[in-house]
Amino acid sequence: TAVYYCAARTDAYYGGSTSTQYHYWGQ
């Protein structure tokens, strides 16, 4: 149980597991 977020980054082929490396977030 949680709020699930989609995140995106455009500076890497594979984004990895660190949330701060993602630049864009859904609601």
PDB file of all heavy atoms in Angstrom:
ATOM      1  N   THR A   1       0.830  -1.195   0.000  1.00  0.00           N
ATOM      2  CA  THR A   1       0.000   0.000   0.000  1.00  0.00           C
ATOM      3  C   THR A   1       0.869   1.251   0.000  1.00  0.00           C
ATOM      4  O   THR A   1       1.729   1.420   0.863  1.00  0.00           O
ATOM      5  CB  THR A   1      -0.929   0.012   1.211  1.00  0.00           C
ATOM      6  OG1 THR A   1      -1.847  -1.088   1.113  1.00  0.00           O
ATOM      7  CG2 THR A   1      -1.724   1.303   1.283  1.00  0.00           C
ATOM      8  N   ALA A   2       0.656   2.116  -0.980  1.00  0.00           N
ATOM      9  CA  ALA A   2       1.457   3.325  -1.128  1.00  0.00           C
ATOM     10  C   ALA A   2       0.924   4.128  -2.308  1.00  0.00           C
ATOM     11  O   ALA A   2       0.094   3.649  -3.074  1.00  0.00           O
ATOM     12  CB  ALA A   2       2.932   2.985  -1.363  1.00  0.00           C
ATOM     13  N   VAL A   3       1.443   5.335  -2.444  1.00  0.00           N
ATOM     14  CA  VAL A   3       1.268   6.081  -3.677  1.00  0.00           C
ATOM     15  C   VAL A   3       2.411   5.691  -4.606  1.00  0.00           C
ATOM     16  O   VAL A   3       3.579   5.775  -4.229  1.00  0.00           O
ATOM     17  CB  VAL A   3       1.266   7.597  -3.442  1.00  0.00           C
ATOM     18  CG1 VAL A   3       1.170   8.343  -4.765  1.00  0.00           C
ATOM     19  CG2 VAL A   3       0.103   7.984  -2.537  1.00  0.00           C
ATOM     20  N   TYR A   4       2.077   5.263  -5.802  1.00  0.00           N
ATOM     21  CA  TYR A   4       3.071   4.831  -6.771  1.00  0.00           C
ATOM     22  C   TYR A   4       3.310   5.933  -7.794  1.00  0.00           C
ATOM     23  O   TYR A   4       2.364   6.485  -8.363  1.00  0.00           O
ATOM     24  CB  TYR A   4       2.617   3.545  -7.468  1.00  0.00           C
ATOM     25  CG  TYR A   4       2.793   2.329  -6.593  1.00  0.00           C
ATOM     26  CD1 TYR A   4       1.979   2.129  -5.489  1.00  0.00           C
ATOM     27  CD2 TYR A   4       3.797   1.399  -6.853  1.00  0.00           C
ATOM     28  CE1 TYR A   4       2.152   1.029  -4.662  1.00  0.00           C
ATOM     29  CE2 TYR A   4       3.974   0.297  -6.036  1.00  0.00           C
ATOM     30  CZ  TYR A   4       3.154   0.116  -4.942  1.00  0.00           C
ATOM     31  OH  TYR A   4       3.329  -0.986  -4.131  1.00  0.00           O
ATOM     32  N   TYR A   5       4.577   6.239  -8.014  1.00  0.00           N
ATOM     33  CA  TYR A   5       4.974   7.312  -8.911  1.00  0.00           C
ATOM     34  C   TYR A   5       5.767   6.773 -10.091  1.00  0.00           C
ATOM     35  O   TYR A   5       6.638   5.918  -9.929  1.00  0.00           O
ATOM     36  CB  TYR A   5       5.853   8.329  -8.185  1.00  0.00           C
ATOM     37  CG  TYR A   5       5.155   9.095  -7.096  1.00  0.00           C
ATOM     38  CD1 TYR A   5       5.175   8.645  -5.782  1.00  0.00           C
ATOM     39  CD2 TYR A   5       4.480  10.277  -7.378  1.00  0.00           C
ATOM     40  CE1 TYR A   5       4.542   9.347  -4.773  1.00  0.00           C
ATOM     41  CE2 TYR A   5       3.844  10.983  -6.378  1.00  0.00           C
ATOM     42  CZ  TYR A   5       3.880  10.513  -5.075  1.00  0.00           C
ATOM     43  OH  TYR A   5       3.252  11.217  -4.079  1.00  0.00           O
ATOM     44  N   CYS A   6       5.491   7.302 -11.246  1.00  0.00           N
ATOM     45  CA  CYS A   6       6.306   7.091 -12.430  1.00  0.00           C
ATOM     46  C   CYS A   6       7.310   8.228 -12.524  1.00  0.00           C
ATOM     47  O   CYS A   6       6.962   9.391 -12.299  1.00  0.00           O
ATOM     48  CB  CYS A   6       5.408   7.056 -13.665  1.00  0.00           C
ATOM     49  SG  CYS A   6       6.277   6.857 -15.230  1.00  0.00           S
ATOM     50  N   ALA A   7       8.550   7.897 -12.839  1.00  0.00           N
ATOM     51  CA  ALA A   7       9.606   8.890 -12.969  1.00  0.00           C
ATOM     52  C   ALA A   7      10.381   8.661 -14.259  1.00  0.00           C
ATOM     53  O   ALA A   7      10.416   7.547 -14.782  1.00  0.00           O
ATOM     54  CB  ALA A   7      10.553   8.818 -11.771  1.00  0.00           C
ATOM     55  N   ALA A   8      11.013   9.712 -14.756  1.00  0.00           N
ATOM     56  CA  ALA A   8      11.737   9.623 -16.019  1.00  0.00           C
ATOM     57  C   ALA A   8      13.023  10.425 -15.977  1.00  0.00           C
ATOM     58  O   ALA A   8      13.136  11.415 -15.253  1.00  0.00           O
ATOM     59  CB  ALA A   8      10.861  10.112 -17.172  1.00  0.00           C
ATOM     60  N   ARG A   9      13.985   9.988 -16.762  1.00  0.00           N
ATOM     61  CA  ARG A   9      15.203  10.747 -16.991  1.00  0.00           C
ATOM     62  C   ARG A   9      15.608  10.570 -18.443  1.00  0.00           C
ATOM     63  O   ARG A   9      15.334   9.526 -19.046  1.00  0.00           O
ATOM     64  CB  ARG A   9      16.323  10.327 -16.039  1.00  0.00           C
ATOM     65  CG  ARG A   9      16.731   8.877 -16.151  1.00  0.00           C
ATOM     66  CD  ARG A   9      17.715   8.467 -15.053  1.00  0.00           C
ATOM     67  NE  ARG A   9      18.978   9.185 -15.138  1.00  0.00           N
ATOM     68  CZ  ARG A   9      20.033   8.948 -14.348  1.00  0.00           C
ATOM     69  NH1 ARG A   9      19.960   8.008 -13.422  1.00  0.00           N
ATOM     70  NH2 ARG A   9      21.145   9.655 -14.490  1.00  0.00           N
ATOM     71  N   THR A  10      16.249  11.576 -18.991  1.00  0.00           N
ATOM     72  CA  THR A  10      16.635  11.567 -20.394  1.00  0.00           C
ATOM     73  C   THR A  10      18.139  11.544 -20.582  1.00  0.00           C
ATOM     74  O   THR A  10      18.613  11.566 -21.717  1.00  0.00           O
ATOM     75  CB  THR A  10      16.056  12.786 -21.120  1.00  0.00           C
ATOM     76  OG1 THR A  10      16.544  13.979 -20.507  1.00  0.00           O
ATOM     77  CG2 THR A  10      14.534  12.769 -21.055  1.00  0.00           C
ATOM     78  N   ASP A  11      18.898  11.486 -19.500  1.00  0.00           N
ATOM     79  CA  ASP A  11      20.353  11.563 -19.563  1.00  0.00           C
ATOM     80  C   ASP A  11      21.042  10.223 -19.369  1.00  0.00           C
ATOM     81  O   ASP A  11      22.268  10.179 -19.232  1.00  0.00           O
ATOM     82  CB  ASP A  11      20.878  12.564 -18.528  1.00  0.00           C
ATOM     83  CG  ASP A  11      20.523  12.191 -17.105  1.00  0.00           C
ATOM     84  OD1 ASP A  11      19.601  11.381 -16.900  1.00  0.00           O
ATOM     85  OD2 ASP A  11      21.171  12.725 -16.187  1.00  0.00           O
ATOM     86  N   ALA A  12      20.293   9.145 -19.351  1.00  0.00           N
ATOM     87  CA  ALA A  12      20.864   7.820 -19.178  1.00  0.00           C
ATOM     88  C   ALA A  12      19.986   6.795 -19.866  1.00  0.00           C
ATOM     89  O   ALA A  12      18.757   6.933 -19.889  1.00  0.00           O
ATOM     90  CB  ALA A  12      21.024   7.469 -17.706  1.00  0.00           C
ATOM     91  N   TYR A  13      20.602   5.773 -20.395  1.00  0.00           N
ATOM     92  CA  TYR A  13      19.873   4.697 -21.054  1.00  0.00           C
ATOM     93  C   TYR A  13      19.044   3.902 -20.051  1.00  0.00           C
ATOM     94  O   TYR A  13      17.893   3.528 -20.330  1.00  0.00           O
ATOM     95  CB  TYR A  13      20.861   3.788 -21.773  1.00  0.00           C
ATOM     96  CG  TYR A  13      20.253   2.605 -22.474  1.00  0.00           C
ATOM     97  CD1 TYR A  13      19.598   2.754 -23.691  1.00  0.00           C
ATOM     98  CD2 TYR A  13      20.359   1.326 -21.935  1.00  0.00           C
ATOM     99  CE1 TYR A  13      19.056   1.666 -24.346  1.00  0.00           C
ATOM    100  CE2 TYR A  13      19.817   0.233 -22.590  1.00  0.00           C
ATOM    101  CZ  TYR A  13      19.166   0.409 -23.791  1.00  0.00           C
ATOM    102  OH  TYR A  13      18.628  -0.685 -24.435  1.00  0.00           O
ATOM    103  N   TYR A  14      19.621   3.659 -18.883  1.00  0.00           N
ATOM    104  CA  TYR A  14      18.946   2.963 -17.798  1.00  0.00           C
ATOM    105  C   TYR A  14      19.009   3.844 -16.560  1.00  0.00           C
ATOM    106  O   TYR A  14      20.089   4.312 -16.191  1.00  0.00           O
ATOM    107  CB  TYR A  14      19.622   1.621 -17.533  1.00  0.00           C
ATOM    108  CG  TYR A  14      19.073   0.878 -16.349  1.00  0.00           C
ATOM    109  CD1 TYR A  14      17.836   0.243 -16.410  1.00  0.00           C
ATOM    110  CD2 TYR A  14      19.798   0.807 -15.159  1.00  0.00           C
ATOM    111  CE1 TYR A  14      17.327  -0.444 -15.321  1.00  0.00           C
ATOM    112  CE2 TYR A  14      19.292   0.118 -14.065  1.00  0.00           C
ATOM    113  CZ  TYR A  14      18.059  -0.507 -14.148  1.00  0.00           C
ATOM    114  OH  TYR A  14      17.559  -1.186 -13.070  1.00  0.00           O
ATOM    115  N   GLY A  15      17.880   4.074 -15.918  1.00  0.00           N
ATOM    116  CA  GLY A  15      17.800   5.084 -14.883  1.00  0.00           C
ATOM    117  C   GLY A  15      18.333   4.698 -13.530  1.00  0.00           C
ATOM    118  O   GLY A  15      18.788   5.572 -12.783  1.00  0.00           O
ATOM    119  N   GLY A  16      18.245   3.423 -13.171  1.00  0.00           N
ATOM    120  CA  GLY A  16      18.723   2.999 -11.875  1.00  0.00           C
ATOM    121  C   GLY A  16      17.715   3.217 -10.767  1.00  0.00           C
ATOM    122  O   GLY A  16      16.554   3.565 -10.993  1.00  0.00           O
ATOM    123  N   SER A  17      18.154   3.023  -9.535  1.00  0.00           N
ATOM    124  CA  SER A  17      17.277   2.955  -8.379  1.00  0.00           C
ATOM    125  C   SER A  17      17.282   4.182  -7.481  1.00  0.00           C
ATOM    126  O   SER A  17      16.570   4.196  -6.473  1.00  0.00           O
ATOM    127  CB  SER A  17      17.651   1.732  -7.532  1.00  0.00           C
ATOM    128  OG  SER A  17      18.984   1.829  -7.055  1.00  0.00           O
ATOM    129  N   THR A  18      18.037   5.206  -7.829  1.00  0.00           N
ATOM    130  CA  THR A  18      18.148   6.389  -6.988  1.00  0.00           C
ATOM    131  C   THR A  18      17.161   7.451  -7.441  1.00  0.00           C
ATOM    132  O   THR A  18      17.259   7.961  -8.558  1.00  0.00           O
ATOM    133  CB  THR A  18      19.576   6.941  -7.019  1.00  0.00           C
ATOM    134  OG1 THR A  18      20.494   5.928  -6.613  1.00  0.00           O
ATOM    135  CG2 THR A  18      19.704   8.141  -6.097  1.00  0.00           C
ATOM    136  N   SER A  19      16.233   7.799  -6.581  1.00  0.00           N
ATOM    137  CA  SER A  19      15.158   8.706  -6.973  1.00  0.00           C
ATOM    138  C   SER A  19      15.655  10.080  -7.385  1.00  0.00           C
ATOM    139  O   SER A  19      15.078  10.705  -8.286  1.00  0.00           O
ATOM    140  CB  SER A  19      14.134   8.831  -5.840  1.00  0.00           C
ATOM    141  OG  SER A  19      14.732   9.388  -4.679  1.00  0.00           O
ATOM    142  N   THR A  20      16.733  10.554  -6.767  1.00  0.00           N
ATOM    143  CA  THR A  20      17.233  11.893  -7.064  1.00  0.00           C
ATOM    144  C   THR A  20      17.845  12.003  -8.454  1.00  0.00           C
ATOM    145  O   THR A  20      18.083  13.116  -8.925  1.00  0.00           O
ATOM    146  CB  THR A  20      18.260  12.337  -6.022  1.00  0.00           C
ATOM    147  OG1 THR A  20      19.302  11.361  -5.928  1.00  0.00           O
ATOM    148  CG2 THR A  20      17.600  12.504  -4.658  1.00  0.00           C
ATOM    149  N   GLN A  21      18.097  10.884  -9.107  1.00  0.00           N
ATOM    150  CA  GLN A  21      18.648  10.903 -10.454  1.00  0.00           C
ATOM    151  C   GLN A  21      17.574  11.079 -11.527  1.00  0.00           C
ATOM    152  O   GLN A  21      17.904  11.289 -12.694  1.00  0.00           O
ATOM    153  CB  GLN A  21      19.431   9.619 -10.728  1.00  0.00           C
ATOM    154  CG  GLN A  21      20.651   9.450  -9.833  1.00  0.00           C
ATOM    155  CD  GLN A  21      21.653  10.567 -10.032  1.00  0.00           C
ATOM    156  OE1 GLN A  21      22.091  10.831 -11.157  1.00  0.00           O
ATOM    157  NE2 GLN A  21      22.021  11.238  -8.945  1.00  0.00           N
ATOM    158  N   TYR A  22      16.331  10.985 -11.146  1.00  0.00           N
ATOM    159  CA  TYR A  22      15.220  11.163 -12.080  1.00  0.00           C
ATOM    160  C   TYR A  22      14.762  12.612 -12.082  1.00  0.00           C
ATOM    161  O   TYR A  22      14.624  13.235 -11.025  1.00  0.00           O
ATOM    162  CB  TYR A  22      14.070  10.227 -11.731  1.00  0.00           C
ATOM    163  CG  TYR A  22      14.374   8.775 -12.017  1.00  0.00           C
ATOM    164  CD1 TYR A  22      15.097   8.002 -11.111  1.00  0.00           C
ATOM    165  CD2 TYR A  22      13.941   8.182 -13.197  1.00  0.00           C
ATOM    166  CE1 TYR A  22      15.390   6.677 -11.385  1.00  0.00           C
ATOM    167  CE2 TYR A  22      14.225   6.856 -13.470  1.00  0.00           C
ATOM    168  CZ  TYR A  22      14.955   6.105 -12.561  1.00  0.00           C
ATOM    169  OH  TYR A  22      15.239   4.781 -12.829  1.00  0.00           O
ATOM    170  N   HIS A  23      14.509  13.135 -13.263  1.00  0.00           N
ATOM    171  CA  HIS A  23      14.231  14.559 -13.424  1.00  0.00           C
ATOM    172  C   HIS A  23      12.758  14.900 -13.512  1.00  0.00           C
ATOM    173  O   HIS A  23      12.370  16.050 -13.256  1.00  0.00           O
ATOM    174  CB  HIS A  23      14.935  15.079 -14.681  1.00  0.00           C
ATOM    175  CG  HIS A  23      16.387  14.733 -14.738  1.00  0.00           C
ATOM    176  ND1 HIS A  23      16.984  14.204 -15.864  1.00  0.00           N
ATOM    177  CD2 HIS A  23      17.366  14.834 -13.805  1.00  0.00           C
ATOM    178  CE1 HIS A  23      18.264  13.998 -15.624  1.00  0.00           C
ATOM    179  NE2 HIS A  23      18.525  14.376 -14.387  1.00  0.00           N
ATOM    180  N   TYR A  24      11.935  13.939 -13.880  1.00  0.00           N
ATOM    181  CA  TYR A  24      10.518  14.192 -14.103  1.00  0.00           C
ATOM    182  C   TYR A  24       9.686  13.176 -13.349  1.00  0.00           C
ATOM    183  O   TYR A  24      10.032  11.993 -13.277  1.00  0.00           O
ATOM    184  CB  TYR A  24      10.198  14.133 -15.599  1.00  0.00           C
ATOM    185  CG  TYR A  24      11.076  15.036 -16.428  1.00  0.00           C
ATOM    186  CD1 TYR A  24      12.179  14.533 -17.106  1.00  0.00           C
ATOM    187  CD2 TYR A  24      10.815  16.402 -16.522  1.00  0.00           C
ATOM    188  CE1 TYR A  24      12.996  15.363 -17.855  1.00  0.00           C
ATOM    189  CE2 TYR A  24      11.630  17.233 -17.261  1.00  0.00           C
ATOM    190  CZ  TYR A  24      12.720  16.708 -17.925  1.00  0.00           C
ATOM    191  OH  TYR A  24      13.536  17.536 -18.670  1.00  0.00           O
ATOM    192  N   TRP A  25       8.562  13.642 -12.819  1.00  0.00           N
ATOM    193  CA  TRP A  25       7.704  12.807 -11.981  1.00  0.00           C
ATOM    194  C   TRP A  25       6.247  13.004 -12.319  1.00  0.00           C
ATOM    195  O   TRP A  25       5.820  14.121 -12.633  1.00  0.00           O
ATOM    196  CB  TRP A  25       7.923  13.134 -10.502  1.00  0.00           C
ATOM    197  CG  TRP A  25       9.283  12.772 -10.022  1.00  0.00           C
ATOM    198  CD1 TRP A  25      10.413  13.519 -10.135  1.00  0.00           C
ATOM    199  CD2 TRP A  25       9.648  11.554  -9.362  1.00  0.00           C
ATOM    200  NE1 TRP A  25      11.482  12.840  -9.580  1.00  0.00           N
ATOM    201  CE2 TRP A  25      11.039  11.643  -9.100  1.00  0.00           C
ATOM    202  CE3 TRP A  25       8.950  10.420  -8.965  1.00  0.00           C
ATOM    203  CZ2 TRP A  25      11.739  10.617  -8.459  1.00  0.00           C
ATOM    204  CZ3 TRP A  25       9.635   9.405  -8.328  1.00  0.00           C
ATOM    205  CH2 TRP A  25      11.014   9.509  -8.080  1.00  0.00           C
ATOM    206  N   GLY A  26       5.490  11.924 -12.245  1.00  0.00           N
ATOM    207  CA  GLY A  26       4.056  12.012 -12.376  1.00  0.00           C
ATOM    208  C   GLY A  26       3.403  12.413 -11.065  1.00  0.00           C
ATOM    209  O   GLY A  26       4.066  12.657 -10.053  1.00  0.00           O
ATOM    210  N   GLN A  27       2.084  12.468 -11.083  1.00  0.00           N
ATOM    211  CA  GLN A  27       1.330  12.926  -9.912  1.00  0.00           C
ATOM    212  C   GLN A  27       1.104  11.831  -8.882  1.00  0.00           C
ATOM    213  O   GLN A  27       0.709  12.119  -7.749  1.00  0.00           O
ATOM    214  CB  GLN A  27      -0.018  13.498 -10.365  1.00  0.00           C
ATOM    215  CG  GLN A  27      -1.124  12.474 -10.622  1.00  0.00           C
ATOM    216  CD  GLN A  27      -0.929  11.658 -11.898  1.00  0.00           C
ATOM    217  OE1 GLN A  27      -0.064  11.952 -12.727  1.00  0.00           O
ATOM    218  NE2 GLN A  27      -1.747  10.628 -12.058  1.00  0.00           N
TER     219      GLN A  27
END
